[in-house]
C-alpha atoms as a PDB file:
ATOM      1  CA  MET A   1       0.000   0.000   0.000  1.00  0.00           C
ATOM      2  CA  LEU A   2       1.308   3.445  -0.986  1.00  0.00           C
ATOM      3  CA  CYS A   3       0.917   5.981   1.843  1.00  0.00           C
ATOM      4  CA  ILE A   4       0.741   9.578   0.670  1.00  0.00           C
ATOM      5  CA  THR A   5       0.933  12.721   2.785  1.00  0.00           C
ATOM      6  CA  HIS A   6       1.380  16.190   1.308  1.00  0.00           C
ATOM      7  CA  ASP A   7       0.889  19.796   2.350  1.00  0.00           C
ATOM      8  CA  ARG A   8      -1.206  21.100  -0.569  1.00  0.00           C
ATOM      9  CA  THR A   9      -4.437  22.591   0.808  1.00  0.00           C
ATOM     10  CA  ASP A  10      -6.150  23.533  -2.459  1.00  0.00           C
ATOM     11  CA  PRO A  11      -9.462  21.602  -2.501  1.00  0.00           C
ATOM     12  CA  SER A  12      -9.474  21.316  -6.289  1.00  0.00           C
ATOM     13  CA  PHE A  13      -5.992  19.797  -6.242  1.00  0.00           C
ATOM     14  CA  ASN A  14      -6.853  17.363  -3.461  1.00  0.00           C
ATOM     15  CA  LEU A  15     -10.012  16.063  -5.118  1.00  0.00           C
ATOM     16  CA  ALA A  16      -8.232  15.854  -8.472  1.00  0.00           C
ATOM     17  CA  SER A  17      -5.414  13.858  -6.840  1.00  0.00           C
ATOM     18  CA  GLU A  18      -7.958  11.302  -5.622  1.00  0.00           C
ATOM     19  CA  GLU A  19      -9.362  10.813  -9.113  1.00  0.00           C
ATOM     20  CA  TYR A  20      -5.868  10.668 -10.622  1.00  0.00           C
ATOM     21  CA  VAL A  21      -4.758   7.940  -8.194  1.00  0.00           C
ATOM     22  CA  LEU A  22      -8.023   6.037  -8.610  1.00  0.00           C
ATOM     23  CA  ARG A  23      -7.761   5.916 -12.404  1.00  0.00           C
ATOM     24  CA  ASN A  24      -3.995   5.624 -12.900  1.00  0.00           C
ATOM     25  CA  PHE A  25      -2.468   3.678 -10.002  1.00  0.00           C
ATOM     26  CA  SER A  26      -2.716  -0.096  -9.643  1.00  0.00           C
ATOM     27  CA  ASP A  27      -1.393  -0.195  -6.042  1.00  0.00           C
ATOM     28  CA  ASP A  28      -3.675   0.203  -3.066  1.00  0.00           C
ATOM     29  CA  CYS A  29      -3.228   3.706  -1.642  1.00  0.00           C
ATOM     30  CA  PHE A  30      -3.865   5.650   1.547  1.00  0.00           C
ATOM     31  CA  MET A  31      -3.791   9.451   1.659  1.00  0.00           C
ATOM     32  CA  LEU A  32      -4.074  12.110   4.350  1.00  0.00           C
ATOM     33  CA  TRP A  33      -4.779  15.699   3.318  1.00  0.00           C
ATOM     34  CA  ARG A  34      -6.330  18.974   4.451  1.00  0.00           C
ATOM     35  CA  ASN A  35      -8.221  21.725   2.647  1.00  0.00           C
ATOM     36  CA  ARG A  36      -8.218  25.427   3.354  1.00  0.00           C
ATOM     37  CA  PRO A  37     -11.771  26.714   4.072  1.00  0.00           C
ATOM     38  CA  SER A  38     -13.984  25.286   1.319  1.00  0.00           C
ATOM     39  CA  ILE A  39     -17.275  23.534   0.678  1.00  0.00           C
ATOM     40  CA  ILE A  40     -17.244  20.075  -0.862  1.00  0.00           C
ATOM     41  CA  VAL A  41     -20.544  18.924  -2.374  1.00  0.00           C
ATOM     42  CA  GLY A  42     -21.585  15.388  -3.265  1.00  0.00           C
ATOM     43  CA  LYS A  43     -21.598  14.264  -6.876  1.00  0.00           C
ATOM     44  CA  HIS A  44     -25.399  14.156  -7.159  1.00  0.00           C
ATOM     45  CA  GLN A  45     -26.235  17.384  -5.334  1.00  0.00           C
ATOM     46  CA  ASN A  46     -27.619  20.714  -6.468  1.00  0.00           C
ATOM     47  CA  THR A  47     -24.712  22.922  -5.408  1.00  0.00           C
ATOM     48  CA  LEU A  48     -26.665  26.149  -4.903  1.00  0.00           C
ATOM     49  CA  SER A  49     -29.247  24.447  -2.686  1.00  0.00           C
ATOM     50  CA  GLU A  50     -26.486  23.279  -0.325  1.00  0.00           C
ATOM     51  CA  ILE A  51     -24.589  26.518   0.277  1.00  0.00           C
ATOM     52  CA  ASN A  52     -25.202  29.903   1.842  1.00  0.00           C
ATOM     53  CA  VAL A  53     -24.441  31.909  -1.303  1.00  0.00           C
ATOM     54  CA  ASP A  54     -24.061  35.271   0.471  1.00  0.00           C
ATOM     55  CA  TYR A  55     -21.640  33.838   3.042  1.00  0.00           C
ATOM     56  CA  VAL A  56     -19.658  31.988   0.386  1.00  0.00           C
ATOM     57  CA  ARG A  57     -19.337  35.102  -1.798  1.00  0.00           C
ATOM     58  CA  LYS A  58     -18.427  37.372   1.120  1.00  0.00           C
ATOM     59  CA  HIS A  59     -15.682  35.041   2.361  1.00  0.00           C
ATOM     60  CA  GLN A  60     -14.611  33.886  -1.128  1.00  0.00           C
ATOM     61  CA  ILE A  61     -14.942  30.232  -0.175  1.00  0.00           C
ATOM     62  CA  PRO A  62     -14.246  27.780  -3.017  1.00  0.00           C
ATOM     63  CA  VAL A  63     -16.985  25.244  -3.715  1.00  0.00           C
ATOM     64  CA  VAL A  64     -15.886  21.981  -5.341  1.00  0.00           C
ATOM     65  CA  ARG A  65     -17.811  18.870  -6.362  1.00  0.00           C
ATOM     66  CA  ARG A  66     -16.315  15.474  -5.459  1.00  0.00           C
ATOM     67  CA  LEU A  67     -16.607  12.108  -7.209  1.00  0.00           C
ATOM     68  CA  SER A  68     -18.538  10.387  -4.433  1.00  0.00           C
ATOM     69  CA  GLY A  69     -22.156  10.781  -3.417  1.00  0.00           C
ATOM     70  CA  GLY A  70     -23.508  11.910  -0.055  1.00  0.00           C
ATOM     71  CA  GLY A  71     -23.951  15.352   1.431  1.00  0.00           C
ATOM     72  CA  ALA A  72     -22.155  18.686   1.429  1.00  0.00           C
ATOM     73  CA  VAL A  73     -19.424  19.334   3.997  1.00  0.00           C
ATOM     74  CA  PHE A  74     -17.405  22.350   5.091  1.00  0.00           C
ATOM     75  CA  HIS A  75     -13.635  21.860   5.289  1.00  0.00           C
ATOM     76  CA  ASP A  76     -11.027  23.966   7.016  1.00  0.00           C
ATOM     77  CA  LEU A  77      -7.468  23.360   8.192  1.00  0.00           C
ATOM     78  CA  GLY A  78      -8.769  21.900  11.450  1.00  0.00           C
ATOM     79  CA  ASN A  79     -10.348  19.060   9.486  1.00  0.00           C
ATOM     80  CA  LEU A  80      -8.214  16.083   8.441  1.00  0.00           C
ATOM     81  CA  ASN A  81      -9.327  14.053   5.429  1.00  0.00           C
ATOM     82  CA  PHE A  82      -8.374  10.452   4.785  1.00  0.00           C
ATOM     83  CA  THR A  83      -8.682   8.407   1.591  1.00  0.00           C
ATOM     84  CA  PHE A  84      -8.353   4.705   0.868  1.00  0.00           C
ATOM     85  CA  ILE A  85      -8.199   3.625  -2.781  1.00  0.00           C
ATOM     86  CA  VAL A  86      -8.060  -0.152  -3.143  1.00  0.00           C
ATOM     87  CA  THR A  87      -8.706  -2.931  -5.639  1.00  0.00           C
ATOM     88  CA  GLY A  88     -11.272  -5.573  -4.742  1.00  0.00           C
ATOM     89  CA  GLU A  89     -13.915  -8.002  -5.928  1.00  0.00           C
ATOM     90  CA  ALA A  90     -17.096  -6.852  -7.606  1.00  0.00           C
ATOM     91  CA  GLY A  91     -19.920  -6.736  -5.085  1.00  0.00           C
ATOM     92  CA  LYS A  92     -17.527  -6.512  -2.146  1.00  0.00           C
ATOM     93  CA  LEU A  93     -15.986  -3.101  -2.745  1.00  0.00           C
ATOM     94  CA  VAL A  94     -18.247  -0.928  -0.587  1.00  0.00           C
ATOM     95  CA  ASP A  95     -17.456  -1.439   3.104  1.00  0.00           C
ATOM     96  CA  PHE A  96     -17.691   1.649   5.313  1.00  0.00           C
ATOM     97  CA  ARG A  97     -16.817  -0.211   8.501  1.00  0.00           C
ATOM     98  CA  LYS A  98     -13.640  -1.672   7.039  1.00  0.00           C
ATOM     99  CA  PHE A  99     -12.193   1.649   5.914  1.00  0.00           C
ATOM    100  CA  THR A 100     -13.103   3.580   9.075  1.00  0.00           C
ATOM    101  CA  ARG A 101     -11.716   0.926  11.436  1.00  0.00           C
ATOM    102  CA  PRO A 102      -8.126   2.288  11.435  1.00  0.00           C
ATOM    103  CA  VAL A 103      -9.413   5.709  12.548  1.00  0.00           C
ATOM    104  CA  LEU A 104     -11.405   4.172  15.389  1.00  0.00           C
ATOM    105  CA  GLU A 105      -8.370   2.157  16.451  1.00  0.00           C
ATOM    106  CA  VAL A 106      -6.220   5.300  16.681  1.00  0.00           C
ATOM    107  CA  LEU A 107      -8.822   7.134  18.738  1.00  0.00           C
ATOM    108  CA  GLN A 108      -9.400   4.190  21.044  1.00  0.00           C
ATOM    109  CA  LYS A 109      -5.636   4.031  21.713  1.00  0.00           C
ATOM    110  CA  MET A 110      -5.925   7.695  22.688  1.00  0.00           C
ATOM    111  CA  GLY A 111      -8.654   6.877  25.201  1.00  0.00           C
ATOM    112  CA  ILE A 112     -11.592   8.164  23.144  1.00  0.00           C
ATOM    113  CA  ASN A 113     -14.693   5.998  22.892  1.00  0.00           C
ATOM    114  CA  ALA A 114     -15.409   6.618  19.203  1.00  0.00           C
ATOM    115  CA  ARG A 115     -18.001   4.530  17.368  1.00  0.00           C
ATOM    116  CA  PHE A 116     -19.316   3.724  13.908  1.00  0.00           C
ATOM    117  CA  GLU A 117     -23.011   4.659  13.757  1.00  0.00           C
ATOM    118  CA  GLY A 118     -25.705   4.738  11.121  1.00  0.00           C
ATOM    119  CA  ARG A 119     -24.767   4.253   7.495  1.00  0.00           C
ATOM    120  CA  ASN A 120     -21.450   6.094   7.306  1.00  0.00           C
ATOM    121  CA  ASP A 121     -20.734   8.230  10.384  1.00  0.00           C
ATOM    122  CA  LEU A 122     -18.247   8.122  13.238  1.00  0.00           C
ATOM    123  CA  THR A 123     -19.353   9.609  16.547  1.00  0.00           C
ATOM    124  CA  ILE A 124     -18.136  10.496  20.022  1.00  0.00           C
ATOM    125  CA  GLU A 125     -20.793  10.623  22.744  1.00  0.00           C
ATOM    126  CA  GLY A 126     -23.456  10.623  20.056  1.00  0.00           C
ATOM    127  CA  LYS A 127     -22.006  13.599  18.156  1.00  0.00           C
ATOM    128  CA  LYS A 128     -20.629  13.209  14.649  1.00  0.00           C
ATOM    129  CA  PHE A 129     -16.972  13.930  13.907  1.00  0.00           C
ATOM    130  CA  SER A 130     -16.602  12.003  10.656  1.00  0.00           C
ATOM    131  CA  GLY A 131     -18.734  11.567   7.553  1.00  0.00           C
ATOM    132  CA  ASN A 132     -17.723   9.065   4.877  1.00  0.00           C
ATOM    133  CA  ALA A 133     -18.485   8.440   1.220  1.00  0.00           C
ATOM    134  CA  GLU A 134     -17.403   6.016  -1.500  1.00  0.00           C
ATOM    135  CA  HIS A 135     -17.069   5.877  -5.276  1.00  0.00           C
ATOM    136  CA  VAL A 136     -16.505   2.751  -7.364  1.00  0.00           C
ATOM    137  CA  PHE A 137     -14.504   2.794 -10.599  1.00  0.00           C
ATOM    138  CA  LYS A 138     -14.229  -0.586 -12.356  1.00  0.00           C
ATOM    139  CA  ASN A 139     -12.717  -2.933  -9.757  1.00  0.00           C
ATOM    140  CA  ARG A 140     -11.441  -0.151  -7.497  1.00  0.00           C
ATOM    141  CA  VAL A 141     -13.138   1.751  -4.705  1.00  0.00           C
ATOM    142  CA  LEU A 142     -12.361   5.216  -3.398  1.00  0.00           C
ATOM    143  CA  HIS A 143     -13.361   5.654   0.240  1.00  0.00           C
ATOM    144  CA  HIS A 144     -12.836   9.024   1.861  1.00  0.00           C
ATOM    145  CA  GLY A 145     -13.897  10.625   5.099  1.00  0.00           C
ATOM    146  CA  THR A 146     -13.638  13.797   7.136  1.00  0.00           C
ATOM    147  CA  LEU A 147     -12.154  13.936  10.637  1.00  0.00           C
ATOM    148  CA  LEU A 148     -13.196  17.073  12.500  1.00  0.00           C
ATOM    149  CA  PHE A 149     -10.251  17.696  14.775  1.00  0.00           C
ATOM    150  CA  SER A 150     -10.234  21.437  15.524  1.00  0.00           C
ATOM    151  CA  SER A 151     -12.605  22.890  12.950  1.00  0.00           C
ATOM    152  CA  VAL A 152     -14.476  26.146  13.507  1.00  0.00           C
ATOM    153  CA  ILE A 153     -17.963  24.730  13.947  1.00  0.00           C
ATOM    154  CA  SER A 154     -19.677  28.120  13.565  1.00  0.00           C
ATOM    155  CA  ASP A 155     -18.101  28.550  10.122  1.00  0.00           C
ATOM    156  CA  LEU A 156     -19.344  25.097   9.159  1.00  0.00           C
ATOM    157  CA  SER A 157     -22.871  26.032  10.162  1.00  0.00           C
ATOM    158  CA  ASP A 158     -22.839  29.465   8.499  1.00  0.00           C
ATOM    159  CA  ALA A 159     -21.384  28.245   5.193  1.00  0.00           C
ATOM    160  CA  LEU A 160     -23.975  25.495   4.788  1.00  0.00           C
ATOM    161  CA  ARG A 161     -27.041  27.340   6.079  1.00  0.00           C
ATOM    162  CA  VAL A 162     -29.581  27.577   3.255  1.00  0.00           C
ATOM    163  CA  ASN A 163     -33.353  28.020   2.952  1.00  0.00           C
ATOM    164  CA  PRO A 164     -34.710  24.693   1.588  1.00  0.00           C
ATOM    165  CA  LEU A 165     -37.941  26.346   0.458  1.00  0.00           C
ATOM    166  CA  LYS A 166     -36.123  28.148  -2.365  1.00  0.00           C
ATOM    167  CA  PHE A 167     -35.438  24.974  -4.344  1.00  0.00           C
ATOM    168  CA  THR A 168     -37.553  22.184  -5.828  1.00  0.00           C
ATOM    169  CA  ASP A 169     -35.524  19.318  -7.248  1.00  0.00           C
ATOM    170  CA  LYS A 170     -34.729  15.635  -6.889  1.00  0.00           C
ATOM    171  CA  ALA A 171     -31.091  16.130  -5.898  1.00  0.00           C
ATOM    172  CA  VAL A 172     -29.614  14.366  -2.887  1.00  0.00           C
ATOM    173  CA  LYS A 173     -30.107  16.569   0.197  1.00  0.00           C
ATOM    174  CA  SER A 174     -27.597  16.917   3.005  1.00  0.00           C
ATOM    175  CA  VAL A 175     -28.639  15.845   6.490  1.00  0.00           C
ATOM    176  CA  ARG A 176     -27.164  18.014   9.230  1.00  0.00           C
ATOM    177  CA  SER A 177     -26.048  16.347  12.449  1.00  0.00           C
ATOM    178  CA  ARG A 178     -24.810  17.524  15.829  1.00  0.00           C
ATOM    179  CA  VAL A 179     -21.047  17.623  15.446  1.00  0.00           C
ATOM    180  CA  THR A 180     -17.985  17.671  17.689  1.00  0.00           C
ATOM    181  CA  ASN A 181     -14.230  18.112  17.386  1.00  0.00           C
ATOM    182  CA  ILE A 182     -11.872  15.289  18.337  1.00  0.00           C
ATOM    183  CA  ARG A 183      -9.630  17.771  20.157  1.00  0.00           C
ATOM    184  CA  ASP A 184     -12.355  18.442  22.722  1.00  0.00           C
ATOM    185  CA  HIS A 185     -12.174  14.820  23.912  1.00  0.00           C
ATOM    186  CA  LEU A 186      -8.398  14.432  24.260  1.00  0.00           C
ATOM    187  CA  LYS A 187      -6.802  13.870  27.647  1.00  0.00           C
ATOM    188  CA  THR A 188      -3.458  15.198  26.353  1.00  0.00           C
ATOM    189  CA  PRO A 189      -3.660  18.138  23.916  1.00  0.00           C
ATOM    190  CA  ILE A 190      -2.050  17.785  20.468  1.00  0.00           C
ATOM    191  CA  ASP A 191      -2.537  19.694  17.225  1.00  0.00           C
ATOM    192  CA  VAL A 192      -4.061  18.458  13.962  1.00  0.00           C
ATOM    193  CA  LEU A 193      -0.684  17.761  12.339  1.00  0.00           C
ATOM    194  CA  ALA A 194       0.427  15.590  15.256  1.00  0.00           C
ATOM    195  CA  PHE A 195      -2.883  13.742  14.975  1.00  0.00           C
ATOM    196  CA  ARG A 196      -2.281  13.312  11.247  1.00  0.00           C
ATOM    197  CA  ASP A 197       1.070  11.695  11.994  1.00  0.00           C
ATOM    198  CA  LEU A 198      -0.500   9.309  14.508  1.00  0.00           C
ATOM    199  CA  VAL A 199      -3.035   8.151  11.928  1.00  0.00           C
ATOM    200  CA  MET A 200      -0.382   7.687   9.245  1.00  0.00           C
ATOM    201  CA  ASP A 201       1.926   5.807  11.625  1.00  0.00           C
ATOM    202  CA  HIS A 202      -0.906   3.450  12.564  1.00  0.00           C
ATOM    203  CA  VAL A 203      -1.738   2.678   8.938  1.00  0.00           C
ATOM    204  CA  MET A 204       1.932   2.157   8.104  1.00  0.00           C
ATOM    205  CA  GLU A 205       2.256  -0.263  11.014  1.00  0.00           C
ATOM    206  CA  THR A 206      -0.911  -2.259  10.416  1.00  0.00           C
ATOM    207  CA  LYS A 207      -1.186  -2.515   6.612  1.00  0.00           C
ATOM    208  CA  ALA A 208       1.012  -5.172   5.012  1.00  0.00           C
ATOM    209  CA  GLY A 209       3.551  -3.763   2.563  1.00  0.00           C
ATOM    210  CA  ALA A 210       2.786  -0.141   3.431  1.00  0.00           C
ATOM    211  CA  VAL A 211       5.443   2.246   2.098  1.00  0.00           C
ATOM    212  CA  PRO A 212       5.628   6.062   1.855  1.00  0.00           C
ATOM    213  CA  TYR A 213       4.995   7.628  -1.546  1.00  0.00           C
ATOM    214  CA  VAL A 214       5.575  11.181  -2.761  1.00  0.00           C
ATOM    215  CA  PHE A 215       3.883  12.515  -5.883  1.00  0.00           C
ATOM    216  CA  SER A 216       6.413  12.751  -8.728  1.00  0.00           C
ATOM    217  CA  PRO A 217       6.723  15.828 -10.969  1.00  0.00           C
ATOM    218  CA  GLU A 218       4.820  13.854 -13.633  1.00  0.00           C
ATOM    219  CA  ASP A 219       2.054  13.035 -11.129  1.00  0.00           C
ATOM    220  CA  LEU A 220       1.768  16.699 -10.146  1.00  0.00           C
ATOM    221  CA  GLU A 221       1.623  17.844 -13.756  1.00  0.00           C
ATOM    222  CA  LYS A 222      -1.237  15.456 -14.533  1.00  0.00           C
ATOM    223  CA  ILE A 223      -3.126  16.326 -11.354  1.00  0.00           C
ATOM    224  CA  ASP A 224      -2.809  20.045 -12.096  1.00  0.00           C
ATOM    225  CA  SER A 225      -4.122  19.395 -15.608  1.00  0.00           C
ATOM    226  CA  LEU A 226      -7.182  17.653 -14.121  1.00  0.00           C
ATOM    227  CA  VAL A 227      -7.694  20.640 -11.826  1.00  0.00           C
ATOM    228  CA  LYS A 228      -7.783  23.026 -14.799  1.00  0.00           C
ATOM    229  CA  THR A 229     -10.035  20.895 -16.999  1.00  0.00           C
ATOM    230  CA  LYS A 230     -12.472  19.688 -14.325  1.00  0.00           C
ATOM    231  CA  TYR A 231     -12.212  20.573 -10.643  1.00  0.00           C
ATOM    232  CA  ASP A 232     -11.735  24.312 -11.133  1.00  0.00           C
ATOM    233  CA  THR A 233     -14.543  24.646 -13.675  1.00  0.00           C
ATOM    234  CA  TRP A 234     -18.037  26.049 -13.204  1.00  0.00           C
ATOM    235  CA  GLU A 235     -19.344  23.243 -15.434  1.00  0.00           C
ATOM    236  CA  TRP A 236     -18.318  20.567 -12.908  1.00  0.00           C
ATOM    237  CA  ASN A 237     -18.892  22.386  -9.648  1.00  0.00           C
ATOM    238  CA  TYR A 238     -22.214  24.049 -10.525  1.00  0.00           C
ATOM    239  CA  GLY A 239     -23.336  23.072 -14.024  1.00  0.00           C
ATOM    240  CA  TYR A 240     -23.303  19.363 -13.182  1.00  0.00           C
ATOM    241  CA  SER A 241     -26.171  19.951 -10.726  1.00  0.00           C
ATOM    242  CA  PRO A 242     -29.484  18.200 -11.467  1.00  0.00           C
ATOM    243  CA  ASP A 243     -32.243  20.332 -13.006  1.00  0.00           C
ATOM    244  CA  TYR A 244     -34.151  22.362 -10.431  1.00  0.00           C
ATOM    245  CA  GLY A 245     -36.725  25.034  -9.853  1.00  0.00           C
ATOM    246  CA  PHE A 246     -35.908  28.100  -7.771  1.00  0.00           C
ATOM    247  CA  LYS A 247     -38.244  30.560  -6.061  1.00  0.00           C
ATOM    248  CA  LYS A 248     -37.396  33.546  -3.875  1.00  0.00           C
ATOM    249  CA  SER A 249     -39.073  36.765  -2.765  1.00  0.00           C
ATOM    250  CA  ILE A 250     -37.349  39.986  -1.731  1.00  0.00           C
ATOM    251  CA  ARG A 251     -38.626  43.268  -0.331  1.00  0.00           C
ATOM    252  CA  TYR A 252     -36.720  46.468  -1.052  1.00  0.00           C
ATOM    253  CA  ASN A 253     -37.401  50.220  -0.893  1.00  0.00           C
ATOM    254  CA  GLY A 254     -39.398  50.181  -4.114  1.00  0.00           C
ATOM    255  CA  GLY A 255     -41.641  47.235  -3.344  1.00  0.00           C
ATOM    256  CA  PHE A 256     -41.799  43.465  -3.525  1.00  0.00           C
ATOM    257  CA  ILE A 257     -40.335  41.130  -6.178  1.00  0.00           C
ATOM    258  CA  GLU A 258     -40.791  37.387  -6.571  1.00  0.00           C
ATOM    259  CA  PHE A 259     -38.489  35.347  -8.810  1.00  0.00           C
ATOM    260  CA  HIS A 260     -39.310  31.950 -10.351  1.00  0.00           C
ATOM    261  CA  LEU A 261     -36.540  30.163 -12.236  1.00  0.00           C
ATOM    262  CA  ASP A 262     -36.289  26.863 -14.090  1.00  0.00           C
ATOM    263  CA  VAL A 263     -32.648  25.793 -14.279  1.00  0.00           C
ATOM    264  CA  LYS A 264     -31.324  23.016 -16.501  1.00  0.00           C
ATOM    265  CA  LYS A 265     -27.702  21.832 -16.409  1.00  0.00           C
ATOM    266  CA  GLY A 266     -26.856  24.967 -14.439  1.00  0.00           C
ATOM    267  CA  PHE A 267     -28.331  27.405 -16.997  1.00  0.00           C
ATOM    268  CA  ILE A 268     -31.486  29.504 -16.600  1.00  0.00           C
ATOM    269  CA  HIS A 269     -33.995  27.882 -18.936  1.00  0.00           C
ATOM    270  CA  ASP A 270     -36.903  30.127 -17.970  1.00  0.00           C
ATOM    271  CA  ILE A 271     -37.452  33.022 -15.561  1.00  0.00           C
ATOM    272  CA  ARG A 272     -40.647  34.719 -14.411  1.00  0.00           C
ATOM    273  CA  ILE A 273     -40.689  37.887 -12.313  1.00  0.00           C
ATOM    274  CA  TYR A 274     -43.703  39.139 -10.338  1.00  0.00           C
ATOM    275  CA  GLY A 275     -44.266  41.895  -7.774  1.00  0.00           C
ATOM    276  CA  ASP A 276     -45.822  45.213  -6.824  1.00  0.00           C
ATOM    277  CA  PHE A 277     -42.897  47.340  -8.020  1.00  0.00           C
ATOM    278  CA  PHE A 278     -43.147  50.258 -10.445  1.00  0.00           C
ATOM    279  CA  ASN A 279     -41.358  50.301 -13.783  1.00  0.00           C
ATOM    280  CA  THR A 280     -40.908  52.453 -16.870  1.00  0.00           C
ATOM    281  CA  ARG A 281     -39.474  49.713 -19.103  1.00  0.00           C
ATOM    282  CA  ASP A 282     -40.801  46.240 -19.910  1.00  0.00           C
ATOM    283  CA  ILE A 283     -39.365  43.689 -17.435  1.00  0.00           C
ATOM    284  CA  LYS A 284     -39.581  41.046 -20.167  1.00  0.00           C
ATOM    285  CA  GLU A 285     -36.375  42.588 -21.468  1.00  0.00           C
ATOM    286  CA  ILE A 286     -34.653  41.554 -18.221  1.00  0.00           C
ATOM    287  CA  SER A 287     -36.129  38.064 -18.387  1.00  0.00           C
ATOM    288  CA  ASP A 288     -34.953  37.649 -21.967  1.00  0.00           C
ATOM    289  CA  LEU A 289     -31.500  38.926 -20.998  1.00  0.00           C
ATOM    290  CA  LEU A 290     -31.159  36.312 -18.234  1.00  0.00           C
ATOM    291  CA  LYS A 291     -32.496  33.312 -20.151  1.00  0.00           C
ATOM    292  CA  GLY A 292     -29.619  31.077 -21.161  1.00  0.00           C
ATOM    293  CA  MET A 293     -27.289  32.551 -18.527  1.00  0.00           C
ATOM    294  CA  PRO A 294     -25.489  30.331 -16.017  1.00  0.00           C
ATOM    295  CA  HIS A 295     -27.210  30.485 -12.622  1.00  0.00           C
ATOM    296  CA  ASP A 296     -24.081  32.062 -11.206  1.00  0.00           C
ATOM    297  CA  PRO A 297     -23.970  35.382  -9.313  1.00  0.00           C
ATOM    298  CA  GLU A 298     -20.710  36.646 -10.792  1.00  0.00           C
ATOM    299  CA  LYS A 299     -21.736  35.930 -14.387  1.00  0.00           C
ATOM    300  CA  ILE A 300     -25.192  37.455 -13.916  1.00  0.00           C
ATOM    301  CA  MET A 301     -23.672  40.517 -12.258  1.00  0.00           C
ATOM    302  CA  GLY A 302     -21.462  40.952 -15.314  1.00  0.00           C
ATOM    303  CA  GLN A 303     -24.460  40.637 -17.629  1.00  0.00           C
ATOM    304  CA  LEU A 304     -26.399  43.305 -15.728  1.00  0.00           C
ATOM    305  CA  ARG A 305     -23.507  45.684 -15.063  1.00  0.00           C
ATOM    306  CA  ASP A 306     -24.519  48.250 -17.698  1.00  0.00           C
ATOM    307  CA  ILE A 307     -28.290  47.734 -17.439  1.00  0.00           C
ATOM    308  CA  PRO A 308     -30.356  50.567 -15.800  1.00  0.00           C
ATOM    309  CA  LEU A 309     -32.220  48.217 -13.434  1.00  0.00           C
ATOM    310  CA  GLY A 310     -33.915  51.164 -11.732  1.00  0.00           C
ATOM    311  CA  GLU A 311     -35.951  51.724 -14.891  1.00  0.00           C
ATOM    312  CA  TYR A 312     -37.323  48.178 -14.654  1.00  0.00           C
ATOM    313  CA  PHE A 313     -37.710  48.068 -10.867  1.00  0.00           C
ATOM    314  CA  HIS A 314     -37.873  51.567  -9.379  1.00  0.00           C
ATOM    315  CA  GLY A 315     -35.496  52.018  -6.434  1.00  0.00           C
ATOM    316  CA  ILE A 316     -33.472  48.817  -6.756  1.00  0.00           C
ATOM    317  CA  ASP A 317     -29.737  48.395  -7.237  1.00  0.00           C
ATOM    318  CA  SER A 318     -27.877  45.484  -8.803  1.00  0.00           C
ATOM    319  CA  GLU A 319     -26.762  43.974  -5.481  1.00  0.00           C
ATOM    320  CA  GLU A 320     -30.347  43.828  -4.216  1.00  0.00           C
ATOM    321  CA  PHE A 321     -31.540  42.351  -7.504  1.00  0.00           C
ATOM    322  CA  ILE A 322     -28.840  39.659  -7.509  1.00  0.00           C
ATOM    323  CA  LYS A 323     -29.811  38.608  -3.968  1.00  0.00           C
ATOM    324  CA  GLY A 324     -33.246  37.765  -5.307  1.00  0.00           C
ATOM    325  CA  LEU A 325     -31.788  35.254  -7.727  1.00  0.00           C
ATOM    326  CA  PHE A 326     -29.857  33.208  -5.116  1.00  0.00           C
END
């Protein structure tokens, strides 16, 4: 088993490295990695319905889609991620208990009574500190999980807080749980990097044939290429979302506006605008302008930059208008 640790904290790079190893390596692999503050959404989720768009824009938090299913999670440098990529028999690849066992063993050696609960969670005293997901490619499985060690829980909550009434779709929805940090249960304080080393040492000691591996310059070049063509693209992170309907109402100085959108493959297929506002120009011109646009705040802001919105909706500015669309 190849055991990989690196210090890159770019979420796009880290998710691309998983796919690269999954598709190009024949050895079993284990990886430990961290992301700077970011939101990672499941493969089958509607990205916008999982994130607090205003918070994400304000704090410039990257949002990246992963290969595996499951719910959206917030990562920061206090969260340690682990990945197993192994070859196995068809029908026997998915095994959440098997791949989380090494983590439980480390924590139990540290005197923490951690448990596997439900379908794919690890808990301490009934609170979740690890969520896990898997993706199968041919005869190989990618299992990865989060380990909340010293994450800022308030940031996690704020970044993922969203109004579910705005969206109608069939996408997989995240289920929020009460969470805890591993650090809060330690008898002897250590930091996240020391914990990372303990986990890696345990895997190296318990997995037959485990050896360290460092990404080669060729590996890094191919991973960076995958970042540029996939994991850093709007098409993958937002456009891949299932079709959905969106509805939101806003009140501003000039009145009330209600937006209804139909979005297909991330693009606005249809938009209807209602309200008690006053206007001097036909709002159909705005609707026509937005049809076919990506449902993306930055791109829509660019489209409307030179449009006199106040003539369509008296008293509104572009920032207020954009808030109604997300």
